[in-house]
Each structure stands twice: as C-alpha cells, then as structure tokens.
PDB file of N, CA and C in Angstrom:
ATOM      1  N   MET A   1      51.531  74.662  59.075  1.00  0.00           N
ATOM      2  CA  MET A   1      52.925  74.957  59.365  1.00  0.00           C
ATOM      3  C   MET A   1      53.669  75.051  58.035  1.00  0.00           C
ATOM      4  N   SER A   2      54.288  76.189  57.771  1.00  0.00           N
ATOM      5  CA  SER A   2      54.925  76.399  56.483  1.00  0.00           C
ATOM      6  C   SER A   2      56.437  76.200  56.562  1.00  0.00           C
ATOM      7  N   GLU A   3      56.956  75.712  55.454  1.00  0.00           N
ATOM      8  CA  GLU A   3      58.397  75.499  55.372  1.00  0.00           C
ATOM      9  C   GLU A   3      59.069  76.724  54.774  1.00  0.00           C
ATOM     10  N   TYR A   4      60.147  77.146  55.399  1.00  0.00           N
ATOM     11  CA  TYR A   4      61.007  78.180  54.836  1.00  0.00           C
ATOM     12  C   TYR A   4      62.138  77.438  54.139  1.00  0.00           C
ATOM     13  N   VAL A   5      62.272  77.641  52.839  1.00  0.00           N
ATOM     14  CA  VAL A   5      63.349  77.012  52.084  1.00  0.00           C
ATOM     15  C   VAL A   5      64.477  78.019  51.951  1.00  0.00           C
ATOM     16  N   LEU A   6      65.623  77.649  52.456  1.00  0.00           N
ATOM     17  CA  LEU A   6      66.774  78.551  52.402  1.00  0.00           C
ATOM     18  C   LEU A   6      67.150  78.849  50.962  1.00  0.00           C
ATOM     19  N   LYS A   7      67.681  80.033  50.751  1.00  0.00           N
ATOM     20  CA  LYS A   7      68.242  80.384  49.452  1.00  0.00           C
ATOM     21  C   LYS A   7      69.625  79.743  49.362  1.00  0.00           C
ATOM     22  N   SER A   8      70.115  79.580  48.161  1.00  0.00           N
ATOM     23  CA  SER A   8      71.396  78.886  47.986  1.00  0.00           C
ATOM     24  C   SER A   8      72.553  79.618  48.654  1.00  0.00           C
ATOM     25  N   ASN A   9      72.447  80.933  48.839  1.00  0.00           N
ATOM     26  CA  ASN A   9      73.547  81.669  49.469  1.00  0.00           C
ATOM     27  C   ASN A   9      73.309  81.953  50.953  1.00  0.00           C
ATOM     28  N   ASP A  10      72.223  81.435  51.534  1.00  0.00           N
ATOM     29  CA  ASP A  10      72.018  81.585  52.976  1.00  0.00           C
ATOM     30  C   ASP A  10      73.066  80.754  53.717  1.00  0.00           C
ATOM     31  N   PHE A  11      73.659  81.345  54.738  1.00  0.00           N
ATOM     32  CA  PHE A  11      74.658  80.650  55.554  1.00  0.00           C
ATOM     33  C   PHE A  11      74.422  81.075  56.993  1.00  0.00           C
ATOM     34  N   LEU A  12      73.842  80.194  57.765  1.00  0.00           N
ATOM     35  CA  LEU A  12      73.425  80.499  59.127  1.00  0.00           C
ATOM     36  C   LEU A  12      74.542  80.167  60.104  1.00  0.00           C
ATOM     37  N   VAL A  13      74.871  81.115  60.976  1.00  0.00           N
ATOM     38  CA  VAL A  13      75.941  80.925  61.946  1.00  0.00           C
ATOM     39  C   VAL A  13      75.433  81.325  63.327  1.00  0.00           C
ATOM     40  N   SER A  14      75.742  80.494  64.314  1.00  0.00           N
ATOM     41  CA  SER A  14      75.456  80.862  65.702  1.00  0.00           C
ATOM     42  C   SER A  14      76.569  80.321  66.587  1.00  0.00           C
ATOM     43  N   GLN A  15      76.730  80.988  67.717  1.00  0.00           N
ATOM     44  CA  GLN A  15      77.733  80.586  68.699  1.00  0.00           C
ATOM     45  C   GLN A  15      77.025  80.461  70.041  1.00  0.00           C
ATOM     46  N   THR A  16      77.323  79.371  70.751  1.00  0.00           N
ATOM     47  CA  THR A  16      76.758  79.180  72.078  1.00  0.00           C
ATOM     48  C   THR A  16      77.879  79.007  73.094  1.00  0.00           C
ATOM     49  N   ASP A  17      77.529  79.223  74.344  1.00  0.00           N
ATOM     50  CA  ASP A  17      78.483  78.909  75.405  1.00  0.00           C
ATOM     51  C   ASP A  17      78.463  77.405  75.638  1.00  0.00           C
ATOM     52  N   SER A  18      79.193  76.937  76.618  1.00  0.00           N
ATOM     53  CA  SER A  18      79.303  75.493  76.855  1.00  0.00           C
ATOM     54  C   SER A  18      77.996  74.859  77.321  1.00  0.00           C
ATOM     55  N   SER A  19      77.028  75.683  77.714  1.00  0.00           N
ATOM     56  CA  SER A  19      75.715  75.177  78.130  1.00  0.00           C
ATOM     57  C   SER A  19      74.673  75.274  77.028  1.00  0.00           C
ATOM     58  N   GLY A  20      75.065  75.729  75.844  1.00  0.00           N
ATOM     59  CA  GLY A  20      74.121  75.838  74.737  1.00  0.00           C
ATOM     60  C   GLY A  20      73.332  77.134  74.711  1.00  0.00           C
ATOM     61  N   ILE A  21      73.795  78.152  75.435  1.00  0.00           N
ATOM     62  CA  ILE A  21      73.134  79.454  75.450  1.00  0.00           C
ATOM     63  C   ILE A  21      73.705  80.307  74.307  1.00  0.00           C
ATOM     64  N   ILE A  22      72.833  80.887  73.509  1.00  0.00           N
ATOM     65  CA  ILE A  22      73.267  81.646  72.342  1.00  0.00           C
ATOM     66  C   ILE A  22      74.019  82.906  72.762  1.00  0.00           C
ATOM     67  N   MET A  23      75.211  83.054  72.193  1.00  0.00           N
ATOM     68  CA  MET A  23      76.055  84.231  72.416  1.00  0.00           C
ATOM     69  C   MET A  23      76.031  85.149  71.193  1.00  0.00           C
ATOM     70  N   PHE A  24      75.829  84.552  70.016  1.00  0.00           N
ATOM     71  CA  PHE A  24      75.877  85.284  68.754  1.00  0.00           C
ATOM     72  C   PHE A  24      75.048  84.541  67.718  1.00  0.00           C
ATOM     73  N   ALA A  25      74.427  85.292  66.828  1.00  0.00           N
ATOM     74  CA  ALA A  25      73.748  84.727  65.660  1.00  0.00           C
ATOM     75  C   ALA A  25      73.899  85.728  64.520  1.00  0.00           C
ATOM     76  N   ASN A  26      74.185  85.235  63.323  1.00  0.00           N
ATOM     77  CA  ASN A  26      74.352  86.171  62.209  1.00  0.00           C
ATOM     78  C   ASN A  26      72.990  86.556  61.616  1.00  0.00           C
ATOM     79  N   ASP A  27      73.020  87.488  60.691  1.00  0.00           N
ATOM     80  CA  ASP A  27      71.783  88.003  60.097  1.00  0.00           C
ATOM     81  C   ASP A  27      70.971  86.919  59.409  1.00  0.00           C
ATOM     82  N   ASP A  28      71.634  85.998  58.688  1.00  0.00           N
ATOM     83  CA  ASP A  28      70.896  84.928  58.005  1.00  0.00           C
ATOM     84  C   ASP A  28      70.152  84.045  59.004  1.00  0.00           C
ATOM     85  N   PHE A  29      70.804  83.710  60.114  1.00  0.00           N
ATOM     86  CA  PHE A  29      70.148  82.883  61.123  1.00  0.00           C
ATOM     87  C   PHE A  29      68.915  83.609  61.673  1.00  0.00           C
ATOM     88  N   CYS A  30      69.066  84.864  62.004  1.00  0.00           N
ATOM     89  CA  CYS A  30      67.946  85.640  62.545  1.00  0.00           C
ATOM     90  C   CYS A  30      66.802  85.715  61.530  1.00  0.00           C
ATOM     91  N   LYS A  31      67.143  86.000  60.283  1.00  0.00           N
ATOM     92  CA  LYS A  31      66.127  86.128  59.229  1.00  0.00           C
ATOM     93  C   LYS A  31      65.351  84.830  59.050  1.00  0.00           C
ATOM     94  N   VAL A  32      66.058  83.723  58.910  1.00  0.00           N
ATOM     95  CA  VAL A  32      65.404  82.441  58.642  1.00  0.00           C
ATOM     96  C   VAL A  32      64.589  81.978  59.848  1.00  0.00           C
ATOM     97  N   ALA A  33      65.139  82.097  61.051  1.00  0.00           N
ATOM     98  CA  ALA A  33      64.432  81.651  62.256  1.00  0.00           C
ATOM     99  C   ALA A  33      63.303  82.607  62.653  1.00  0.00           C
ATOM    100  N   GLY A  34      63.378  83.855  62.184  1.00  0.00           N
ATOM    101  CA  GLY A  34      62.321  84.814  62.471  1.00  0.00           C
ATOM    102  C   GLY A  34      62.481  85.570  63.776  1.00  0.00           C
ATOM    103  N   TYR A  35      63.663  85.566  64.326  1.00  0.00           N
ATOM    104  CA  TYR A  35      63.944  86.262  65.580  1.00  0.00           C
ATOM    105  C   TYR A  35      64.889  87.429  65.336  1.00  0.00           C
ATOM    106  N   THR A  36      64.867  88.404  66.219  1.00  0.00           N
ATOM    107  CA  THR A  36      65.902  89.432  66.202  1.00  0.00           C
ATOM    108  C   THR A  36      67.095  88.886  66.992  1.00  0.00           C
ATOM    109  N   LEU A  37      68.234  89.487  66.806  1.00  0.00           N
ATOM    110  CA  LEU A  37      69.417  89.083  67.557  1.00  0.00           C
ATOM    111  C   LEU A  37      69.171  89.228  69.060  1.00  0.00           C
ATOM    112  N   GLU A  38      68.505  90.305  69.437  1.00  0.00           N
ATOM    113  CA  GLU A  38      68.222  90.550  70.855  1.00  0.00           C
ATOM    114  C   GLU A  38      67.325  89.468  71.453  1.00  0.00           C
ATOM    115  N   GLU A  39      66.425  88.916  70.650  1.00  0.00           N
ATOM    116  CA  GLU A  39      65.553  87.842  71.137  1.00  0.00           C
ATOM    117  C   GLU A  39      66.313  86.534  71.318  1.00  0.00           C
ATOM    118  N   LEU A  40      67.396  86.341  70.565  1.00  0.00           N
ATOM    119  CA  LEU A  40      68.132  85.075  70.606  1.00  0.00           C
ATOM    120  C   LEU A  40      69.246  85.050  71.640  1.00  0.00           C
ATOM    121  N   VAL A  41      70.003  86.122  71.748  1.00  0.00           N
ATOM    122  CA  VAL A  41      71.149  86.137  72.657  1.00  0.00           C
ATOM    123  C   VAL A  41      70.663  85.934  74.099  1.00  0.00           C
ATOM    124  N   GLY A  42      71.307  84.971  74.756  1.00  0.00           N
ATOM    125  CA  GLY A  42      70.944  84.653  76.137  1.00  0.00           C
ATOM    126  C   GLY A  42      69.913  83.540  76.260  1.00  0.00           C
ATOM    127  N   LYS A  43      69.378  83.092  75.138  1.00  0.00           N
ATOM    128  CA  LYS A  43      68.382  82.013  75.145  1.00  0.00           C
ATOM    129  C   LYS A  43      69.066  80.685  74.810  1.00  0.00           C
ATOM    130  N   PRO A  44      68.507  79.567  75.270  1.00  0.00           N
ATOM    131  CA  PRO A  44      69.036  78.264  74.875  1.00  0.00           C
ATOM    132  C   PRO A  44      68.870  78.068  73.363  1.00  0.00           C
ATOM    133  N   HIS A  45      69.857  77.453  72.733  1.00  0.00           N
ATOM    134  CA  HIS A  45      69.792  77.245  71.287  1.00  0.00           C
ATOM    135  C   HIS A  45      68.596  76.385  70.906  1.00  0.00           C
ATOM    136  N   ASN A  46      68.112  75.585  71.839  1.00  0.00           N
ATOM    137  CA  ASN A  46      66.973  74.735  71.494  1.00  0.00           C
ATOM    138  C   ASN A  46      65.674  75.524  71.325  1.00  0.00           C
ATOM    139  N   VAL A  47      65.740  76.855  71.400  1.00  0.00           N
ATOM    140  CA  VAL A  47      64.571  77.680  71.082  1.00  0.00           C
ATOM    141  C   VAL A  47      64.143  77.430  69.626  1.00  0.00           C
ATOM    142  N   VAL A  48      65.068  76.977  68.786  1.00  0.00           N
ATOM    143  CA  VAL A  48      64.731  76.677  67.390  1.00  0.00           C
ATOM    144  C   VAL A  48      64.623  75.173  67.122  1.00  0.00           C
ATOM    145  N   ARG A  49      64.666  74.373  68.154  1.00  0.00           N
ATOM    146  CA  ARG A  49      64.555  72.919  67.959  1.00  0.00           C
ATOM    147  C   ARG A  49      63.130  72.559  67.540  1.00  0.00           C
ATOM    148  N   HIS A  50      63.025  71.832  66.465  1.00  0.00           N
ATOM    149  CA  HIS A  50      61.709  71.379  65.995  1.00  0.00           C
ATOM    150  C   HIS A  50      61.334  70.082  66.702  1.00  0.00           C
ATOM    151  N   ARG A  51      60.079  69.942  67.031  1.00  0.00           N
ATOM    152  CA  ARG A  51      59.611  68.763  67.779  1.00  0.00           C
ATOM    153  C   ARG A  51      59.787  67.451  67.004  1.00  0.00           C
ATOM    154  N   ASP A  52      59.953  67.530  65.677  1.00  0.00           N
ATOM    155  CA  ASP A  52      60.168  66.316  64.882  1.00  0.00           C
ATOM    156  C   ASP A  52      61.593  65.779  64.983  1.00  0.00           C
ATOM    157  N   MET A  53      62.500  66.588  65.500  1.00  0.00           N
ATOM    158  CA  MET A  53      63.893  66.145  65.582  1.00  0.00           C
ATOM    159  C   MET A  53      64.049  65.084  66.666  1.00  0.00           C
ATOM    160  N   PRO A  54      64.643  63.954  66.314  1.00  0.00           N
ATOM    161  CA  PRO A  54      64.849  62.911  67.324  1.00  0.00           C
ATOM    162  C   PRO A  54      65.884  63.326  68.368  1.00  0.00           C
ATOM    163  N   LYS A  55      65.603  63.002  69.610  1.00  0.00           N
ATOM    164  CA  LYS A  55      66.535  63.315  70.697  1.00  0.00           C
ATOM    165  C   LYS A  55      67.896  62.675  70.451  1.00  0.00           C
ATOM    166  N   ALA A  56      67.911  61.530  69.802  1.00  0.00           N
ATOM    167  CA  ALA A  56      69.161  60.817  69.529  1.00  0.00           C
ATOM    168  C   ALA A  56      70.134  61.664  68.701  1.00  0.00           C
ATOM    169  N   ALA A  57      69.610  62.480  67.803  1.00  0.00           N
ATOM    170  CA  ALA A  57      70.481  63.322  66.972  1.00  0.00           C
ATOM    171  C   ALA A  57      71.234  64.333  67.840  1.00  0.00           C
ATOM    172  N   PHE A  58      70.527  64.965  68.773  1.00  0.00           N
ATOM    173  CA  PHE A  58      71.178  65.958  69.627  1.00  0.00           C
ATOM    174  C   PHE A  58      72.058  65.313  70.684  1.00  0.00           C
ATOM    175  N   LYS A  59      71.705  64.115  71.122  1.00  0.00           N
ATOM    176  CA  LYS A  59      72.571  63.380  72.041  1.00  0.00           C
ATOM    177  C   LYS A  59      73.909  63.108  71.357  1.00  0.00           C
ATOM    178  N   ASP A  60      73.846  62.690  70.090  1.00  0.00           N
ATOM    179  CA  ASP A  60      75.052  62.422  69.311  1.00  0.00           C
ATOM    180  C   ASP A  60      75.843  63.708  69.069  1.00  0.00           C
ATOM    181  N   LEU A  61      75.142  64.792  68.750  1.00  0.00           N
ATOM    182  CA  LEU A  61      75.800  66.077  68.517  1.00  0.00           C
ATOM    183  C   LEU A  61      76.610  66.480  69.742  1.00  0.00           C
ATOM    184  N   TRP A  62      75.976  66.507  70.915  1.00  0.00           N
ATOM    185  CA  TRP A  62      76.672  66.952  72.128  1.00  0.00           C
ATOM    186  C   TRP A  62      77.801  66.005  72.517  1.00  0.00           C
ATOM    187  N   ALA A  63      77.588  64.702  72.375  1.00  0.00           N
ATOM    188  CA  ALA A  63      78.654  63.749  72.704  1.00  0.00           C
ATOM    189  C   ALA A  63      79.866  63.968  71.803  1.00  0.00           C
ATOM    190  N   THR A  64      79.614  64.277  70.538  1.00  0.00           N
ATOM    191  CA  THR A  64      80.697  64.485  69.573  1.00  0.00           C
ATOM    192  C   THR A  64      81.467  65.767  69.860  1.00  0.00           C
ATOM    193  N   VAL A  65      80.765  66.883  69.997  1.00  0.00           N
ATOM    194  CA  VAL A  65      81.470  68.161  70.161  1.00  0.00           C
ATOM    195  C   VAL A  65      82.139  68.279  71.520  1.00  0.00           C
ATOM    196  N   LYS A  66      81.606  67.628  72.539  1.00  0.00           N
ATOM    197  CA  LYS A  66      82.243  67.690  73.857  1.00  0.00           C
ATOM    198  C   LYS A  66      83.553  66.897  73.884  1.00  0.00           C
ATOM    199  N   GLN A  67      83.753  66.035  72.879  1.00  0.00           N
ATOM    200  CA  GLN A  67      85.030  65.321  72.735  1.00  0.00           C
ATOM    201  C   GLN A  67      86.008  66.113  71.868  1.00  0.00           C
ATOM    202  N   GLY A  68      85.598  67.302  71.444  1.00  0.00           N
ATOM    203  CA  GLY A  68      86.457  68.122  70.602  1.00  0.00           C
ATOM    204  C   GLY A  68      86.399  67.761  69.131  1.00  0.00           C
ATOM    205  N   LYS A  69      85.435  66.939  68.751  1.00  0.00           N
ATOM    206  CA  LYS A  69      85.288  66.518  67.358  1.00  0.00           C
ATOM    207  C   LYS A  69      84.233  67.373  66.665  1.00  0.00           C
ATOM    208  N   VAL A  70      84.248  67.348  65.346  1.00  0.00           N
ATOM    209  CA  VAL A  70      83.288  68.087  64.534  1.00  0.00           C
ATOM    210  C   VAL A  70      82.076  67.197  64.263  1.00  0.00           C
ATOM    211  N   TRP A  71      80.875  67.745  64.476  1.00  0.00           N
ATOM    212  CA  TRP A  71      79.630  67.020  64.186  1.00  0.00           C
ATOM    213  C   TRP A  71      78.993  67.638  62.952  1.00  0.00           C
ATOM    214  N   THR A  72      78.513  66.788  62.060  1.00  0.00           N
ATOM    215  CA  THR A  72      77.755  67.258  60.905  1.00  0.00           C
ATOM    216  C   THR A  72      76.481  66.443  60.809  1.00  0.00           C
ATOM    217  N   GLY A  73      75.439  67.081  60.325  1.00  0.00           N
ATOM    218  CA  GLY A  73      74.193  66.350  60.141  1.00  0.00           C
ATOM    219  C   GLY A  73      73.061  67.238  59.685  1.00  0.00           C
ATOM    220  N   TYR A  74      71.960  66.584  59.351  1.00  0.00           N
ATOM    221  CA  TYR A  74      70.745  67.263  58.911  1.00  0.00           C
ATOM    222  C   TYR A  74      69.928  67.661  60.131  1.00  0.00           C
ATOM    223  N   VAL A  75      69.416  68.881  60.114  1.00  0.00           N
ATOM    224  CA  VAL A  75      68.633  69.370  61.243  1.00  0.00           C
ATOM    225  C   VAL A  75      67.379  70.076  60.729  1.00  0.00           C
ATOM    226  N   LYS A  76      66.263  69.719  61.332  1.00  0.00           N
ATOM    227  CA  LYS A  76      65.005  70.422  61.074  1.00  0.00           C
ATOM    228  C   LYS A  76      64.789  71.355  62.257  1.00  0.00           C
ATOM    229  N   ASN A  77      64.745  72.650  61.975  1.00  0.00           N
ATOM    230  CA  ASN A  77      64.567  73.655  63.012  1.00  0.00           C
ATOM    231  C   ASN A  77      63.204  74.313  62.892  1.00  0.00           C
ATOM    232  N   ALA A  78      62.763  74.885  63.990  1.00  0.00           N
ATOM    233  CA  ALA A  78      61.486  75.592  64.035  1.00  0.00           C
ATOM    234  C   ALA A  78      61.723  77.096  63.898  1.00  0.00           C
ATOM    235  N   THR A  79      60.786  77.767  63.248  1.00  0.00           N
ATOM    236  CA  THR A  79      60.814  79.222  63.165  1.00  0.00           C
ATOM    237  C   THR A  79      59.942  79.800  64.276  1.00  0.00           C
ATOM    238  N   LYS A  80      60.135  81.050  64.552  1.00  0.00           N
ATOM    239  CA  LYS A  80      59.376  81.727  65.605  1.00  0.00           C
ATOM    240  C   LYS A  80      57.872  81.658  65.354  1.00  0.00           C
ATOM    241  N   ASP A  81      57.474  81.711  64.080  1.00  0.00           N
ATOM    242  CA  ASP A  81      56.048  81.726  63.750  1.00  0.00           C
ATOM    243  C   ASP A  81      55.428  80.333  63.612  1.00  0.00           C
ATOM    244  N   GLY A  82      56.165  79.289  64.002  1.00  0.00           N
ATOM    245  CA  GLY A  82      55.628  77.940  63.967  1.00  0.00           C
ATOM    246  C   GLY A  82      55.959  77.148  62.717  1.00  0.00           C
ATOM    247  N   GLY A  83      56.675  77.749  61.794  1.00  0.00           N
ATOM    248  CA  GLY A  83      57.107  77.044  60.598  1.00  0.00           C
ATOM    249  C   GLY A  83      58.373  76.234  60.867  1.00  0.00           C
ATOM    250  N   PHE A  84      59.032  75.836  59.804  1.00  0.00           N
ATOM    251  CA  PHE A  84      60.258  75.049  59.960  1.00  0.00           C
ATOM    252  C   PHE A  84      61.172  75.264  58.766  1.00  0.00           C
ATOM    253  N   TYR A  85      62.432  74.847  58.949  1.00  0.00           N
ATOM    254  CA  TYR A  85      63.415  74.880  57.870  1.00  0.00           C
ATOM    255  C   TYR A  85      64.438  73.787  58.114  1.00  0.00           C
ATOM    256  N   TRP A  86      64.959  73.253  57.021  1.00  0.00           N
ATOM    257  CA  TRP A  86      65.983  72.215  57.071  1.00  0.00           C
ATOM    258  C   TRP A  86      67.349  72.821  56.782  1.00  0.00           C
ATOM    259  N   VAL A  87      68.370  72.312  57.471  1.00  0.00           N
ATOM    260  CA  VAL A  87      69.745  72.741  57.223  1.00  0.00           C
ATOM    261  C   VAL A  87      70.692  71.552  57.346  1.00  0.00           C
ATOM    262  N   TYR A  88      71.842  71.694  56.719  1.00  0.00           N
ATOM    263  CA  TYR A  88      72.968  70.800  56.956  1.00  0.00           C
ATOM    264  C   TYR A  88      73.889  71.557  57.891  1.00  0.00           C
ATOM    265  N   ALA A  89      74.083  71.027  59.085  1.00  0.00           N
ATOM    266  CA  ALA A  89      74.828  71.735  60.127  1.00  0.00           C
ATOM    267  C   ALA A  89      76.205  71.126  60.346  1.00  0.00           C
ATOM    268  N   THR A  90      77.146  72.009  60.614  1.00  0.00           N
ATOM    269  CA  THR A  90      78.480  71.634  61.053  1.00  0.00           C
ATOM    270  C   THR A  90      78.695  72.348  62.387  1.00  0.00           C
ATOM    271  N   VAL A  91      78.963  71.571  63.435  1.00  0.00           N
ATOM    272  CA  VAL A  91      79.107  72.134  64.783  1.00  0.00           C
ATOM    273  C   VAL A  91      80.457  71.705  65.346  1.00  0.00           C
ATOM    274  N   TYR A  92      81.157  72.654  65.938  1.00  0.00           N
ATOM    275  CA  TYR A  92      82.452  72.320  66.531  1.00  0.00           C
ATOM    276  C   TYR A  92      82.747  73.190  67.737  1.00  0.00           C
ATOM    277  N   SER A  93      83.655  72.690  68.559  1.00  0.00           N
ATOM    278  CA  SER A  93      84.087  73.363  69.774  1.00  0.00           C
ATOM    279  C   SER A  93      85.208  74.337  69.439  1.00  0.00           C
ATOM    280  N   MET A  94      85.245  75.435  70.170  1.00  0.00           N
ATOM    281  CA  MET A  94      86.325  76.406  70.011  1.00  0.00           C
ATOM    282  C   MET A  94      86.479  77.186  71.308  1.00  0.00           C
ATOM    283  N   ILE A  95      87.532  77.955  71.403  1.00  0.00           N
ATOM    284  CA  ILE A  95      87.734  78.846  72.544  1.00  0.00           C
ATOM    285  C   ILE A  95      87.357  80.254  72.088  1.00  0.00           C
ATOM    286  N   ASP A  96      86.430  80.878  72.806  1.00  0.00           N
ATOM    287  CA  ASP A  96      85.987  82.229  72.472  1.00  0.00           C
ATOM    288  C   ASP A  96      87.143  83.198  72.694  1.00  0.00           C
ATOM    289  N   ALA A  97      87.407  84.035  71.710  1.00  0.00           N
ATOM    290  CA  ALA A  97      88.539  84.967  71.795  1.00  0.00           C
ATOM    291  C   ALA A  97      88.370  85.987  72.920  1.00  0.00           C
ATOM    292  N   ALA A  98      87.151  86.417  73.164  1.00  0.00           N
ATOM    293  CA  ALA A  98      86.914  87.442  74.181  1.00  0.00           C
ATOM    294  C   ALA A  98      86.906  86.866  75.597  1.00  0.00           C
ATOM    295  N   THR A  99      86.186  85.758  75.783  1.00  0.00           N
ATOM    296  CA  THR A  99      86.026  85.212  77.138  1.00  0.00           C
ATOM    297  C   THR A  99      87.082  84.179  77.499  1.00  0.00           C
ATOM    298  N   LYS A 100      87.763  83.645  76.493  1.00  0.00           N
ATOM    299  CA  LYS A 100      88.761  82.578  76.669  1.00  0.00           C
ATOM    300  C   LYS A 100      88.135  81.290  77.213  1.00  0.00           C
ATOM    301  N   LYS A 101      86.825  81.140  77.027  1.00  0.00           N
ATOM    302  CA  LYS A 101      86.114  79.941  77.486  1.00  0.00           C
ATOM    303  C   LYS A 101      85.683  79.106  76.293  1.00  0.00           C
ATOM    304  N   GLN A 102      85.463  77.816  76.567  1.00  0.00           N
ATOM    305  CA  GLN A 102      84.998  76.917  75.522  1.00  0.00           C
ATOM    306  C   GLN A 102      83.592  77.316  75.092  1.00  0.00           C
ATOM    307  N   CYS A 103      83.373  77.258  73.784  1.00  0.00           N
ATOM    308  CA  CYS A 103      82.052  77.519  73.231  1.00  0.00           C
ATOM    309  C   CYS A 103      81.887  76.666  71.980  1.00  0.00           C
ATOM    310  N   TYR A 104      80.735  76.785  71.337  1.00  0.00           N
ATOM    311  CA  TYR A 104      80.442  75.982  70.157  1.00  0.00           C
ATOM    312  C   TYR A 104      79.958  76.874  69.031  1.00  0.00           C
ATOM    313  N   LEU A 105      80.451  76.591  67.837  1.00  0.00           N
ATOM    314  CA  LEU A 105      80.060  77.331  66.652  1.00  0.00           C
ATOM    315  C   LEU A 105      79.303  76.387  65.733  1.00  0.00           C
ATOM    316  N   SER A 106      78.175  76.855  65.230  1.00  0.00           N
ATOM    317  CA  SER A 106      77.372  76.069  64.303  1.00  0.00           C
ATOM    318  C   SER A 106      77.205  76.853  63.013  1.00  0.00           C
ATOM    319  N   CYS A 107      77.556  76.212  61.907  1.00  0.00           N
ATOM    320  CA  CYS A 107      77.424  76.804  60.576  1.00  0.00           C
ATOM    321  C   CYS A 107      76.467  75.918  59.784  1.00  0.00           C
ATOM    322  N   ARG A 108      75.483  76.549  59.123  1.00  0.00           N
ATOM    323  CA  ARG A 108      74.451  75.766  58.458  1.00  0.00           C
ATOM    324  C   ARG A 108      74.192  76.291  57.060  1.00  0.00           C
ATOM    325  N   ARG A 109      73.903  75.347  56.164  1.00  0.00           N
ATOM    326  CA  ARG A 109      73.621  75.680  54.772  1.00  0.00           C
ATOM    327  C   ARG A 109      72.347  74.977  54.320  1.00  0.00           C
ATOM    328  N   LYS A 110      71.906  75.339  53.131  1.00  0.00           N
ATOM    329  CA  LYS A 110      70.702  74.769  52.529  1.00  0.00           C
ATOM    330  C   LYS A 110      70.917  73.303  52.179  1.00  0.00           C
ATOM    331  N   LEU A 111      69.857  72.529  52.338  1.00  0.00           N
ATOM    332  CA  LEU A 111      69.850  71.136  51.885  1.00  0.00           C
ATOM    333  C   LEU A 111      69.225  71.062  50.500  1.00  0.00           C
ATOM    334  N   SER A 112      69.620  70.065  49.739  1.00  0.00           N
ATOM    335  CA  SER A 112      68.929  69.788  48.485  1.00  0.00           C
ATOM    336  C   SER A 112      67.637  69.038  48.816  1.00  0.00           C
ATOM    337  N   ALA A 113      66.725  68.961  47.868  1.00  0.00           N
ATOM    338  CA  ALA A 113      65.470  68.234  48.081  1.00  0.00           C
ATOM    339  C   ALA A 113      65.753  66.767  48.398  1.00  0.00           C
ATOM    340  N   GLU A 114      66.766  66.200  47.769  1.00  0.00           N
ATOM    341  CA  GLU A 114      67.125  64.798  48.020  1.00  0.00           C
ATOM    342  C   GLU A 114      67.660  64.624  49.447  1.00  0.00           C
ATOM    343  N   GLU A 115      68.456  65.577  49.920  1.00  0.00           N
ATOM    344  CA  GLU A 115      68.971  65.500  51.283  1.00  0.00           C
ATOM    345  C   GLU A 115      67.840  65.600  52.312  1.00  0.00           C
ATOM    346  N   VAL A 116      66.855  66.444  52.050  1.00  0.00           N
ATOM    347  CA  VAL A 116      65.704  66.547  52.954  1.00  0.00           C
ATOM    348  C   VAL A 116      64.976  65.212  53.010  1.00  0.00           C
ATOM    349  N   LYS A 117      64.781  64.608  51.859  1.00  0.00           N
ATOM    350  CA  LYS A 117      64.105  63.307  51.798  1.00  0.00           C
ATOM    351  C   LYS A 117      64.884  62.254  52.595  1.00  0.00           C
ATOM    352  N   GLN A 118      66.201  62.229  52.431  1.00  0.00           N
ATOM    353  CA  GLN A 118      67.045  61.285  53.174  1.00  0.00           C
ATOM    354  C   GLN A 118      66.936  61.523  54.681  1.00  0.00           C
ATOM    355  N   ALA A 119      66.960  62.793  55.078  1.00  0.00           N
ATOM    356  CA  ALA A 119      66.874  63.126  56.498  1.00  0.00           C
ATOM    357  C   ALA A 119      65.529  62.701  57.076  1.00  0.00           C
ATOM    358  N   GLU A 120      64.462  62.957  56.350  1.00  0.00           N
ATOM    359  CA  GLU A 120      63.128  62.576  56.828  1.00  0.00           C
ATOM    360  C   GLU A 120      63.030  61.061  57.021  1.00  0.00           C
ATOM    361  N   GLU A 121      63.584  60.311  56.092  1.00  0.00           N
ATOM    362  CA  GLU A 121      63.553  58.843  56.197  1.00  0.00           C
ATOM    363  C   GLU A 121      64.408  58.367  57.376  1.00  0.00           C
ATOM    364  N   LEU A 122      65.596  58.925  57.505  1.00  0.00           N
ATOM    365  CA  LEU A 122      66.486  58.553  58.608  1.00  0.00           C
ATOM    366  C   LEU A 122      65.834  58.837  59.953  1.00  0.00           C
ATOM    367  N   TYR A 123      65.269  60.021  60.107  1.00  0.00           N
ATOM    368  CA  TYR A 123      64.737  60.439  61.401  1.00  0.00           C
ATOM    369  C   TYR A 123      63.469  59.694  61.786  1.00  0.00           C
ATOM    370  N   LYS A 124      62.828  59.038  60.821  1.00  0.00           N
ATOM    371  CA  LYS A 124      61.676  58.170  61.157  1.00  0.00           C
ATOM    372  C   LYS A 124      62.131  56.949  61.939  1.00  0.00           C
ATOM    373  N   THR A 125      63.430  56.595  61.795  1.00  0.00           N
ATOM    374  CA  THR A 125      63.960  55.397  62.444  1.00  0.00           C
ATOM    375  C   THR A 125      64.565  55.707  63.809  1.00  0.00           C
ATOM    376  N   LEU A 126      64.699  56.985  64.141  1.00  0.00           N
ATOM    377  CA  LEU A 126      65.325  57.394  65.403  1.00  0.00           C
ATOM    378  C   LEU A 126      64.316  58.033  66.347  1.00  0.00           C
ATOM    379  N   ARG A 127      64.631  58.032  67.578  1.00  0.00           N
ATOM    380  CA  ARG A 127      63.832  58.777  68.579  1.00  0.00           C
ATOM    381  C   ARG A 127      64.738  59.147  69.663  1.00  0.00           C
TER     382      ARG A 127
END
C-alpha cells in the first residue's frame, strides 16, 4: 500500500449533503483520491475513509459539525487504488446556495512529517 504525499499547494475540497453524500469535489481531491468527479458525486464521503482511522474521530467530527461548530483534525484517507494519504481537515456546516439545504464543506491541506507522526501516535490510542 503506497502513500500519496500531497504537494504543498494541494488543497482538497469536497461538499456533502446532510447525510454525507458527496455533492462536489474539486480537482485536487479527485487527483489525490484517484477518482473522477463522476465517480464521487452521489457516493458517501466514507468511500475515501481509511480502515486505520478510528471511529471515534468521525464520531467527534459529526457531533461537532451538527452543532454548527467547525471541526479540525488529522485524517488518513484511502485512495481508489488501495493507497493512502494524510490531510489536515477543516469541516463546517453551511447552507447550499442552490438547494438552500444544510450541507458540509471540507477543506484539506498537506500535513508535515511531524504532524503525521503525531496523528499516528494519537490514533493508536483511539478506536
């Protein structure tokens, strides 16, 4: 399983509906995850969830954003080809301009090697 290391200017963005179904993904997200936009739209966002990610992290994410608060944290995601990549994610609730319904926007950037190490150590303690 190979790691994809984001470039310093990669900025991954996706938008989901209130159930976590992908409505939009930018080019960087598609490139890094290895999917086309057409493959992602309409799918649950957990299509990129890596099996090493503790359930507690996503429980905290959803509890936070459903209260209208901003969630930030380290996330290890899976690529379509079975690899993985690390990101620092910021997720927040918003109202979609077109549908006027609540949705969630996630913006992700590259982690430093030290941040990856910290995340790996932290996630060993969670499940």
